[in-house]
Amino acid sequence: MTDPLDLETALETARQAAAAADEIAMRHYGSRLEIERKADDSPVTVADRQAEQAIREVLTSRWPEHEIFGEEYGRNKHADPDAPLWLIDPIDGTRSFIRGLPFWSVQIALMVKGELLLGVSSAPAFGETAWARTGGGAFLDGHPVSIRPVDRLAEADVCFGNLRTLAQGPRWRWAAAIVAEAARCRGYGDFYSYHRLADGSQDAVIESDVNILDIAALAVIVTEAGGHFTDLEGRPPGLATTSVLAAAPELHCSLLSSLHEIDRSEAADHS
């Protein structure tokens, strides 16, 4: 899968799978849906399940030997530990979907040997799709996009996603300092802030309560648009990722440094 031609084929197949899920999700969007609760108390609907099934069918028809890890149906383990792994969230933003808000999307990414190689983020209710593959650049509705090169927080538009765990700990001081200094702060949530980061109309995204299925595709898109994408510890995204710091490279470095200063200060206070 590391050959560019193979990745291009995989990307095209992922886009086809996203389109199939889009069609199903849009049939249900805006209708009265029965809402169930999963073990973590998050909502799920028939639209989530049908959309994931459609994605799985497209991918397995092309690559039956690949693994798939989906939000609704879990992971089908493969005998080969190096088998390519598809990461799927069929409707990321189910709460928005249920409430008739357009801030939801279909997320599909491909990981090989722990490295994210391509991603598709389709938001049919919003009318846009972003995609990228390693070394191929990032695109929004077929047009190349790139991060805005900003290095000063005072000139940056920062978007916060889910801040639940950040608000519960000492790093809330760091978030407050960003709000006080940044040119502007927003809170769109889910795919939208990452699309805007990739196309240069936002400058940083911070989240503290996510999982890899939420952000895998978006990580590839932001990175290929020229951004840096890590968790709040500065680590690259992986299966255990639960937080995000994504920004233009210089701004990312500055924000991460300020966070580490907070961490060191907290450690010194408790030593």
C-alpha atoms as a PDB file:
ATOM      1  CA  MET A   1       0.000   0.000   0.000  1.00  0.00           C
ATOM      2  CA  THR A   2       2.985   2.346   0.119  1.00  0.00           C
ATOM      3  CA  ASP A   3       3.181   2.625  -3.673  1.00  0.00           C
ATOM      4  CA  PRO A   4       1.609   5.958  -4.803  1.00  0.00           C
ATOM      5  CA  LEU A   5      -0.486   4.228  -7.458  1.00  0.00           C
ATOM      6  CA  ASP A   6      -1.907   1.853  -4.872  1.00  0.00           C
ATOM      7  CA  LEU A   7      -2.632   4.731  -2.524  1.00  0.00           C
ATOM      8  CA  GLU A   8      -4.400   6.610  -5.301  1.00  0.00           C
ATOM      9  CA  THR A   9      -6.602   3.571  -5.932  1.00  0.00           C
ATOM     10  CA  ALA A  10      -7.263   3.239  -2.203  1.00  0.00           C
ATOM     11  CA  LEU A  11      -8.183   6.913  -1.966  1.00  0.00           C
ATOM     12  CA  GLU A  12     -10.607   6.658  -4.858  1.00  0.00           C
ATOM     13  CA  THR A  13     -12.213   3.593  -3.278  1.00  0.00           C
ATOM     14  CA  ALA A  14     -12.497   5.404   0.054  1.00  0.00           C
ATOM     15  CA  ARG A  15     -14.240   8.288  -1.698  1.00  0.00           C
ATOM     16  CA  GLN A  16     -16.663   5.845  -3.297  1.00  0.00           C
ATOM     17  CA  ALA A  17     -17.356   4.305   0.106  1.00  0.00           C
ATOM     18  CA  ALA A  18     -17.958   7.742   1.615  1.00  0.00           C
ATOM     19  CA  ALA A  19     -20.366   8.613  -1.191  1.00  0.00           C
ATOM     20  CA  ALA A  20     -22.339   5.431  -0.509  1.00  0.00           C
ATOM     21  CA  ALA A  21     -22.550   6.335   3.179  1.00  0.00           C
ATOM     22  CA  ASP A  22     -23.492   9.926   2.325  1.00  0.00           C
ATOM     23  CA  GLU A  23     -26.476   8.743   0.327  1.00  0.00           C
ATOM     24  CA  ILE A  24     -27.762   6.587   3.167  1.00  0.00           C
ATOM     25  CA  ALA A  25     -27.181   9.211   5.846  1.00  0.00           C
ATOM     26  CA  MET A  26     -28.918  11.928   3.862  1.00  0.00           C
ATOM     27  CA  ARG A  27     -31.995   9.732   3.420  1.00  0.00           C
ATOM     28  CA  HIS A  28     -32.340   9.678   7.207  1.00  0.00           C
ATOM     29  CA  TYR A  29     -31.148  13.212   7.946  1.00  0.00           C
ATOM     30  CA  GLY A  30     -33.951  15.430   9.175  1.00  0.00           C
ATOM     31  CA  SER A  31     -36.322  12.522   9.789  1.00  0.00           C
ATOM     32  CA  ARG A  32     -37.661  11.209  13.083  1.00  0.00           C
ATOM     33  CA  LEU A  33     -35.205   8.557  14.230  1.00  0.00           C
ATOM     34  CA  GLU A  34     -35.261   6.065  17.061  1.00  0.00           C
ATOM     35  CA  ILE A  35     -32.244   6.844  19.232  1.00  0.00           C
ATOM     36  CA  GLU A  36     -30.399   4.140  21.133  1.00  0.00           C
ATOM     37  CA  ARG A  37     -27.628   4.548  23.693  1.00  0.00           C
ATOM     38  CA  LYS A  38     -24.311   2.726  23.474  1.00  0.00           C
ATOM     39  CA  ALA A  39     -22.302   1.556  26.473  1.00  0.00           C
ATOM     40  CA  ASP A  40     -20.564   4.944  26.719  1.00  0.00           C
ATOM     41  CA  ASP A  41     -23.980   6.687  26.645  1.00  0.00           C
ATOM     42  CA  SER A  42     -23.359   8.152  23.179  1.00  0.00           C
ATOM     43  CA  PRO A  43     -26.316   8.035  20.772  1.00  0.00           C
ATOM     44  CA  VAL A  44     -26.603   5.752  17.769  1.00  0.00           C
ATOM     45  CA  THR A  45     -29.256   5.408  15.071  1.00  0.00           C
ATOM     46  CA  VAL A  46     -30.104   3.127  12.184  1.00  0.00           C
ATOM     47  CA  ALA A  47     -28.418   5.679   9.928  1.00  0.00           C
ATOM     48  CA  ASP A  48     -25.053   5.139  11.670  1.00  0.00           C
ATOM     49  CA  ARG A  49     -25.302   1.387  11.289  1.00  0.00           C
ATOM     50  CA  GLN A  50     -26.489   1.356   7.684  1.00  0.00           C
ATOM     51  CA  ALA A  51     -23.828   3.875   6.669  1.00  0.00           C
ATOM     52  CA  GLU A  52     -21.059   1.795   8.215  1.00  0.00           C
ATOM     53  CA  GLN A  53     -22.366  -1.355   6.539  1.00  0.00           C
ATOM     54  CA  ALA A  54     -22.265   0.419   3.184  1.00  0.00           C
ATOM     55  CA  ILE A  55     -18.669   1.533   3.737  1.00  0.00           C
ATOM     56  CA  ARG A  56     -17.627  -1.952   4.781  1.00  0.00           C
ATOM     57  CA  GLU A  57     -19.219  -3.469   1.686  1.00  0.00           C
ATOM     58  CA  VAL A  58     -17.326  -1.156  -0.658  1.00  0.00           C
ATOM     59  CA  LEU A  59     -13.992  -1.709   1.060  1.00  0.00           C
ATOM     60  CA  THR A  60     -14.245  -5.484   1.501  1.00  0.00           C
ATOM     61  CA  SER A  61     -15.386  -5.993  -2.065  1.00  0.00           C
ATOM     62  CA  ARG A  62     -12.103  -4.418  -3.168  1.00  0.00           C
ATOM     63  CA  TRP A  63      -9.788  -5.658  -0.375  1.00  0.00           C
ATOM     64  CA  PRO A  64     -11.226  -8.605   1.558  1.00  0.00           C
ATOM     65  CA  GLU A  65      -7.814  -9.148   3.151  1.00  0.00           C
ATOM     66  CA  HIS A  66      -7.792  -5.765   4.912  1.00  0.00           C
ATOM     67  CA  GLU A  67      -8.857  -5.099   8.488  1.00  0.00           C
ATOM     68  CA  ILE A  68     -11.687  -2.693   9.294  1.00  0.00           C
ATOM     69  CA  PHE A  69     -12.209  -0.866  12.585  1.00  0.00           C
ATOM     70  CA  GLY A  70     -15.571   0.892  12.666  1.00  0.00           C
ATOM     71  CA  GLU A  71     -17.450   2.931  15.243  1.00  0.00           C
ATOM     72  CA  GLU A  72     -20.548   0.736  15.181  1.00  0.00           C
ATOM     73  CA  TYR A  73     -19.278  -2.786  14.415  1.00  0.00           C
ATOM     74  CA  GLY A  74     -15.826  -2.792  15.960  1.00  0.00           C
ATOM     75  CA  ARG A  75     -12.694  -4.343  14.533  1.00  0.00           C
ATOM     76  CA  ASN A  76     -12.322  -7.524  12.512  1.00  0.00           C
ATOM     77  CA  LYS A  77      -8.917  -8.828  13.570  1.00  0.00           C
ATOM     78  CA  HIS A  78      -6.644 -10.152  10.836  1.00  0.00           C
ATOM     79  CA  ALA A  79      -4.079 -12.926  11.184  1.00  0.00           C
ATOM     80  CA  ASP A  80      -1.455 -10.648   9.637  1.00  0.00           C
ATOM     81  CA  PRO A  81      -0.522  -7.942  12.181  1.00  0.00           C
ATOM     82  CA  ASP A  82       0.696  -5.740   9.313  1.00  0.00           C
ATOM     83  CA  ALA A  83      -2.566  -5.932   7.356  1.00  0.00           C
ATOM     84  CA  PRO A  84      -3.803  -2.494   6.233  1.00  0.00           C
ATOM     85  CA  LEU A  85      -6.393  -1.153   8.666  1.00  0.00           C
ATOM     86  CA  TRP A  86      -9.367   0.972   7.632  1.00  0.00           C
ATOM     87  CA  LEU A  87     -10.678   3.346  10.307  1.00  0.00           C
ATOM     88  CA  ILE A  88     -14.340   4.322   9.954  1.00  0.00           C
ATOM     89  CA  ASP A  89     -16.743   6.650  11.703  1.00  0.00           C
ATOM     90  CA  PRO A  90     -19.881   6.463   9.534  1.00  0.00           C
ATOM     91  CA  ILE A  91     -21.499   9.517  11.113  1.00  0.00           C
ATOM     92  CA  ASP A  92     -19.088  11.519  13.229  1.00  0.00           C
ATOM     93  CA  GLY A  93     -21.270  14.010  15.055  1.00  0.00           C
ATOM     94  CA  THR A  94     -24.342  11.866  15.626  1.00  0.00           C
ATOM     95  CA  ARG A  95     -25.688  14.362  18.164  1.00  0.00           C
ATOM     96  CA  SER A  96     -25.676  17.069  15.496  1.00  0.00           C
ATOM     97  CA  PHE A  97     -27.167  14.632  12.989  1.00  0.00           C
ATOM     98  CA  ILE A  98     -30.051  13.836  15.339  1.00  0.00           C
ATOM     99  CA  ARG A  99     -30.753  17.499  16.054  1.00  0.00           C
ATOM    100  CA  GLY A 100     -30.805  18.480  12.389  1.00  0.00           C
ATOM    101  CA  LEU A 101     -27.513  20.392  12.485  1.00  0.00           C
ATOM    102  CA  PRO A 102     -25.151  19.987   9.494  1.00  0.00           C
ATOM    103  CA  PHE A 103     -21.998  19.553  11.598  1.00  0.00           C
ATOM    104  CA  TRP A 104     -21.586  15.818  11.012  1.00  0.00           C
ATOM    105  CA  SER A 105     -19.528  13.853   8.541  1.00  0.00           C
ATOM    106  CA  VAL A 106     -18.434  10.494   7.193  1.00  0.00           C
ATOM    107  CA  GLN A 107     -14.848   9.721   8.197  1.00  0.00           C
ATOM    108  CA  ILE A 108     -12.686   7.082   6.475  1.00  0.00           C
ATOM    109  CA  ALA A 109      -8.918   6.646   6.880  1.00  0.00           C
ATOM    110  CA  LEU A 110      -6.307   4.033   6.062  1.00  0.00           C
ATOM    111  CA  MET A 111      -3.520   3.069   8.464  1.00  0.00           C
ATOM    112  CA  VAL A 112      -0.630   0.778   7.537  1.00  0.00           C
ATOM    113  CA  LYS A 113       1.872  -0.366  10.191  1.00  0.00           C
ATOM    114  CA  GLY A 114       0.709   2.409  12.495  1.00  0.00           C
ATOM    115  CA  GLU A 115       1.028   5.177   9.898  1.00  0.00           C
ATOM    116  CA  LEU A 116      -1.987   7.071   8.584  1.00  0.00           C
ATOM    117  CA  LEU A 117      -1.750   7.196   4.793  1.00  0.00           C
ATOM    118  CA  LEU A 118      -5.022   8.623   3.513  1.00  0.00           C
ATOM    119  CA  GLY A 119      -8.250  10.162   4.686  1.00  0.00           C
ATOM    120  CA  VAL A 120     -11.673  11.175   3.398  1.00  0.00           C
ATOM    121  CA  SER A 121     -13.942  13.523   5.333  1.00  0.00           C
ATOM    122  CA  SER A 122     -17.335  13.928   3.675  1.00  0.00           C
ATOM    123  CA  ALA A 123     -19.954  16.353   5.023  1.00  0.00           C
ATOM    124  CA  PRO A 124     -22.967  15.949   2.710  1.00  0.00           C
ATOM    125  CA  ALA A 125     -25.342  18.118   4.738  1.00  0.00           C
ATOM    126  CA  PHE A 126     -22.765  20.880   4.535  1.00  0.00           C
ATOM    127  CA  GLY A 127     -22.031  20.208   0.879  1.00  0.00           C
ATOM    128  CA  GLU A 128     -18.283  19.598   1.039  1.00  0.00           C
ATOM    129  CA  THR A 129     -15.746  16.784   1.011  1.00  0.00           C
ATOM    130  CA  ALA A 130     -12.061  16.894   1.924  1.00  0.00           C
ATOM    131  CA  TRP A 131      -9.491  14.221   1.141  1.00  0.00           C
ATOM    132  CA  ALA A 132      -5.765  13.604   1.135  1.00  0.00           C
ATOM    133  CA  ARG A 133      -3.133  10.910   0.799  1.00  0.00           C
ATOM    134  CA  THR A 134       0.452  10.916   1.982  1.00  0.00           C
ATOM    135  CA  GLY A 135       2.599  12.914  -0.424  1.00  0.00           C
ATOM    136  CA  GLY A 136      -0.364  13.920  -2.570  1.00  0.00           C
ATOM    137  CA  GLY A 137      -1.528  17.151  -0.961  1.00  0.00           C
ATOM    138  CA  ALA A 138      -4.939  17.971   0.530  1.00  0.00           C
ATOM    139  CA  PHE A 139      -8.094  18.803  -1.393  1.00  0.00           C
ATOM    140  CA  LEU A 140     -11.482  20.283  -0.643  1.00  0.00           C
ATOM    141  CA  ASP A 141     -14.094  19.566  -3.318  1.00  0.00           C
ATOM    142  CA  GLY A 142     -11.314  18.954  -5.814  1.00  0.00           C
ATOM    143  CA  HIS A 143      -9.366  22.149  -5.094  1.00  0.00           C
ATOM    144  CA  PRO A 144      -5.977  22.043  -3.333  1.00  0.00           C
ATOM    145  CA  VAL A 145      -5.932  23.624   0.119  1.00  0.00           C
ATOM    146  CA  SER A 146      -3.186  24.745   2.463  1.00  0.00           C
ATOM    147  CA  ILE A 147      -2.676  25.979   6.004  1.00  0.00           C
ATOM    148  CA  ARG A 148      -2.283  29.717   6.612  1.00  0.00           C
ATOM    149  CA  PRO A 149       1.311  30.343   7.773  1.00  0.00           C
ATOM    150  CA  VAL A 150       0.775  32.090  11.122  1.00  0.00           C
ATOM    151  CA  ASP A 151       3.219  31.935  14.026  1.00  0.00           C
ATOM    152  CA  ARG A 152       1.747  34.354  16.603  1.00  0.00           C
ATOM    153  CA  LEU A 153      -1.205  33.398  18.767  1.00  0.00           C
ATOM    154  CA  ALA A 154      -2.297  37.035  18.842  1.00  0.00           C
ATOM    155  CA  GLU A 155      -2.929  36.779  15.088  1.00  0.00           C
ATOM    156  CA  ALA A 156      -4.547  33.342  15.175  1.00  0.00           C
ATOM    157  CA  ASP A 157      -8.131  32.093  15.057  1.00  0.00           C
ATOM    158  CA  VAL A 158      -8.342  29.107  17.409  1.00  0.00           C
ATOM    159  CA  CYS A 159     -11.112  26.524  17.417  1.00  0.00           C
ATOM    160  CA  PHE A 160     -11.850  24.424  20.486  1.00  0.00           C
ATOM    161  CA  GLY A 161     -13.604  21.084  20.161  1.00  0.00           C
ATOM    162  CA  ASN A 162     -14.661  18.903  23.067  1.00  0.00           C
ATOM    163  CA  LEU A 163     -12.946  20.346  26.157  1.00  0.00           C
ATOM    164  CA  ARG A 164     -14.446  18.088  28.812  1.00  0.00           C
ATOM    165  CA  THR A 165     -11.261  16.439  30.066  1.00  0.00           C
ATOM    166  CA  LEU A 166      -9.204  19.629  29.682  1.00  0.00           C
ATOM    167  CA  ALA A 167     -11.693  21.503  31.866  1.00  0.00           C
ATOM    168  CA  GLN A 168     -11.384  18.858  34.565  1.00  0.00           C
ATOM    169  CA  GLY A 169      -7.621  19.219  35.009  1.00  0.00           C
ATOM    170  CA  PRO A 170      -4.770  21.699  35.541  1.00  0.00           C
ATOM    171  CA  ARG A 171      -4.373  22.350  31.823  1.00  0.00           C
ATOM    172  CA  TRP A 172      -7.517  24.486  31.909  1.00  0.00           C
ATOM    173  CA  ARG A 173      -5.180  27.399  32.786  1.00  0.00           C
ATOM    174  CA  TRP A 174      -3.456  26.849  29.446  1.00  0.00           C
ATOM    175  CA  ALA A 175      -6.760  26.956  27.578  1.00  0.00           C
ATOM    176  CA  ALA A 176      -7.753  30.139  29.405  1.00  0.00           C
ATOM    177  CA  ALA A 177      -4.466  31.802  28.442  1.00  0.00           C
ATOM    178  CA  ILE A 178      -5.093  30.922  24.787  1.00  0.00           C
ATOM    179  CA  VAL A 179      -8.578  32.434  24.909  1.00  0.00           C
ATOM    180  CA  ALA A 180      -7.138  35.593  26.458  1.00  0.00           C
ATOM    181  CA  GLU A 181      -4.407  36.007  23.832  1.00  0.00           C
ATOM    182  CA  ALA A 182      -5.783  34.621  20.578  1.00  0.00           C
ATOM    183  CA  ALA A 183      -7.220  36.948  17.963  1.00  0.00           C
ATOM    184  CA  ARG A 184     -10.457  34.968  17.989  1.00  0.00           C
ATOM    185  CA  CYS A 185     -11.783  31.711  19.443  1.00  0.00           C
ATOM    186  CA  ARG A 186     -14.536  29.513  18.053  1.00  0.00           C
ATOM    187  CA  GLY A 187     -16.157  26.194  18.939  1.00  0.00           C
ATOM    188  CA  TYR A 188     -17.591  24.575  15.827  1.00  0.00           C
ATOM    189  CA  GLY A 189     -16.799  20.971  16.699  1.00  0.00           C
ATOM    190  CA  ASP A 190     -16.322  17.776  14.695  1.00  0.00           C
ATOM    191  CA  PHE A 191     -15.126  17.943  11.059  1.00  0.00           C
ATOM    192  CA  TYR A 192     -15.793  21.618  10.406  1.00  0.00           C
ATOM    193  CA  SER A 193     -12.918  23.142  12.346  1.00  0.00           C
ATOM    194  CA  TYR A 194     -10.402  20.812  10.660  1.00  0.00           C
ATOM    195  CA  HIS A 195     -11.667  21.595   7.175  1.00  0.00           C
ATOM    196  CA  ARG A 196     -11.326  25.298   7.973  1.00  0.00           C
ATOM    197  CA  LEU A 197      -7.835  24.737   9.351  1.00  0.00           C
ATOM    198  CA  ALA A 198      -6.820  22.912   6.169  1.00  0.00           C
ATOM    199  CA  ASP A 199      -8.186  25.637   3.888  1.00  0.00           C
ATOM    200  CA  GLY A 200      -6.538  28.445   5.870  1.00  0.00           C
ATOM    201  CA  SER A 201      -9.610  30.054   7.442  1.00  0.00           C
ATOM    202  CA  GLN A 202      -8.804  28.751  10.969  1.00  0.00           C
ATOM    203  CA  ASP A 203      -5.347  28.552  12.504  1.00  0.00           C
ATOM    204  CA  ALA A 204      -5.485  25.956  15.296  1.00  0.00           C
ATOM    205  CA  VAL A 205      -7.745  23.222  16.621  1.00  0.00           C
ATOM    206  CA  ILE A 206      -7.614  21.952  20.210  1.00  0.00           C
ATOM    207  CA  GLU A 207      -9.607  18.966  21.483  1.00  0.00           C
ATOM    208  CA  SER A 208      -9.240  16.869  24.620  1.00  0.00           C
ATOM    209  CA  ASP A 209     -11.883  14.158  24.352  1.00  0.00           C
ATOM    210  CA  VAL A 210     -11.738  12.293  21.018  1.00  0.00           C
ATOM    211  CA  ASN A 211     -10.864   8.870  19.655  1.00  0.00           C
ATOM    212  CA  ILE A 212      -8.877   7.840  16.600  1.00  0.00           C
ATOM    213  CA  LEU A 213     -11.986   7.157  14.504  1.00  0.00           C
ATOM    214  CA  ASP A 214     -13.039  10.790  14.968  1.00  0.00           C
ATOM    215  CA  ILE A 215      -9.797  12.307  13.732  1.00  0.00           C
ATOM    216  CA  ALA A 216      -7.752   9.822  11.658  1.00  0.00           C
ATOM    217  CA  ALA A 217      -8.868  11.097   8.251  1.00  0.00           C
ATOM    218  CA  LEU A 218      -8.680  14.701   9.423  1.00  0.00           C
ATOM    219  CA  ALA A 219      -5.102  14.187  10.605  1.00  0.00           C
ATOM    220  CA  VAL A 220      -4.013  13.197   7.105  1.00  0.00           C
ATOM    221  CA  ILE A 221      -5.893  16.112   5.533  1.00  0.00           C
ATOM    222  CA  VAL A 222      -4.425  18.710   7.904  1.00  0.00           C
ATOM    223  CA  THR A 223      -0.909  17.285   7.594  1.00  0.00           C
ATOM    224  CA  GLU A 224      -1.019  17.222   3.802  1.00  0.00           C
ATOM    225  CA  ALA A 225      -2.302  20.810   3.870  1.00  0.00           C
ATOM    226  CA  GLY A 226       0.949  21.762   5.634  1.00  0.00           C
ATOM    227  CA  GLY A 227      -0.118  21.636   9.276  1.00  0.00           C
ATOM    228  CA  HIS A 228       1.208  19.799  12.295  1.00  0.00           C
ATOM    229  CA  PHE A 229      -1.180  17.351  13.926  1.00  0.00           C
ATOM    230  CA  THR A 230      -0.411  15.701  17.290  1.00  0.00           C
ATOM    231  CA  ASP A 231      -2.071  14.955  20.574  1.00  0.00           C
ATOM    232  CA  LEU A 232      -1.630  17.324  23.512  1.00  0.00           C
ATOM    233  CA  GLU A 233       1.557  15.485  24.483  1.00  0.00           C
ATOM    234  CA  GLY A 234       3.072  16.186  21.066  1.00  0.00           C
ATOM    235  CA  ARG A 235       2.757  12.583  19.859  1.00  0.00           C
ATOM    236  CA  PRO A 236       1.605  11.664  16.341  1.00  0.00           C
ATOM    237  CA  PRO A 237      -1.935  10.264  16.088  1.00  0.00           C
ATOM    238  CA  GLY A 238      -2.346   6.558  16.776  1.00  0.00           C
ATOM    239  CA  LEU A 239      -4.986   4.083  17.854  1.00  0.00           C
ATOM    240  CA  ALA A 240      -4.818   5.309  21.466  1.00  0.00           C
ATOM    241  CA  THR A 241      -5.093   9.041  20.674  1.00  0.00           C
ATOM    242  CA  THR A 242      -7.610  10.953  22.827  1.00  0.00           C
ATOM    243  CA  SER A 243      -6.643  14.595  22.249  1.00  0.00           C
ATOM    244  CA  VAL A 244      -5.600  16.923  19.423  1.00  0.00           C
ATOM    245  CA  LEU A 245      -3.374  19.922  18.870  1.00  0.00           C
ATOM    246  CA  ALA A 246      -3.403  20.867  15.199  1.00  0.00           C
ATOM    247  CA  ALA A 247      -2.041  24.093  13.766  1.00  0.00           C
ATOM    248  CA  ALA A 248       0.380  25.736  11.391  1.00  0.00           C
ATOM    249  CA  PRO A 249       3.879  24.421  12.237  1.00  0.00           C
ATOM    250  CA  GLU A 250       5.245  27.499  14.023  1.00  0.00           C
ATOM    251  CA  LEU A 251       2.042  28.090  15.959  1.00  0.00           C
ATOM    252  CA  HIS A 252       1.845  24.409  16.891  1.00  0.00           C
ATOM    253  CA  CYS A 253       5.372  24.575  18.322  1.00  0.00           C
ATOM    254  CA  SER A 254       4.509  27.670  20.346  1.00  0.00           C
ATOM    255  CA  LEU A 255       1.271  26.235  21.721  1.00  0.00           C
ATOM    256  CA  LEU A 256       2.894  22.932  22.634  1.00  0.00           C
ATOM    257  CA  SER A 257       5.757  24.726  24.390  1.00  0.00           C
ATOM    258  CA  SER A 258       3.338  26.786  26.445  1.00  0.00           C
ATOM    259  CA  LEU A 259       1.426  23.657  27.416  1.00  0.00           C
ATOM    260  CA  HIS A 260       4.617  21.937  28.539  1.00  0.00           C
ATOM    261  CA  GLU A 261       5.450  24.987  30.648  1.00  0.00           C
ATOM    262  CA  ILE A 262       2.108  24.600  32.397  1.00  0.00           C
ATOM    263  CA  ASP A 263       2.818  20.914  32.944  1.00  0.00           C
ATOM    264  CA  ARG A 264       6.245  21.632  34.424  1.00  0.00           C
ATOM    265  CA  SER A 265       4.802  24.306  36.678  1.00  0.00           C
ATOM    266  CA  GLU A 266       2.125  21.935  37.949  1.00  0.00           C
ATOM    267  CA  ALA A 267       4.729  19.222  38.571  1.00  0.00           C
ATOM    268  CA  ALA A 268       6.927  21.646  40.511  1.00  0.00           C
ATOM    269  CA  ASP A 269       3.955  22.774  42.643  1.00  0.00           C
ATOM    270  CA  HIS A 270       3.246  19.171  43.621  1.00  0.00           C
ATOM    271  CA  SER A 271       6.851  18.106  44.199  1.00  0.00           C
END
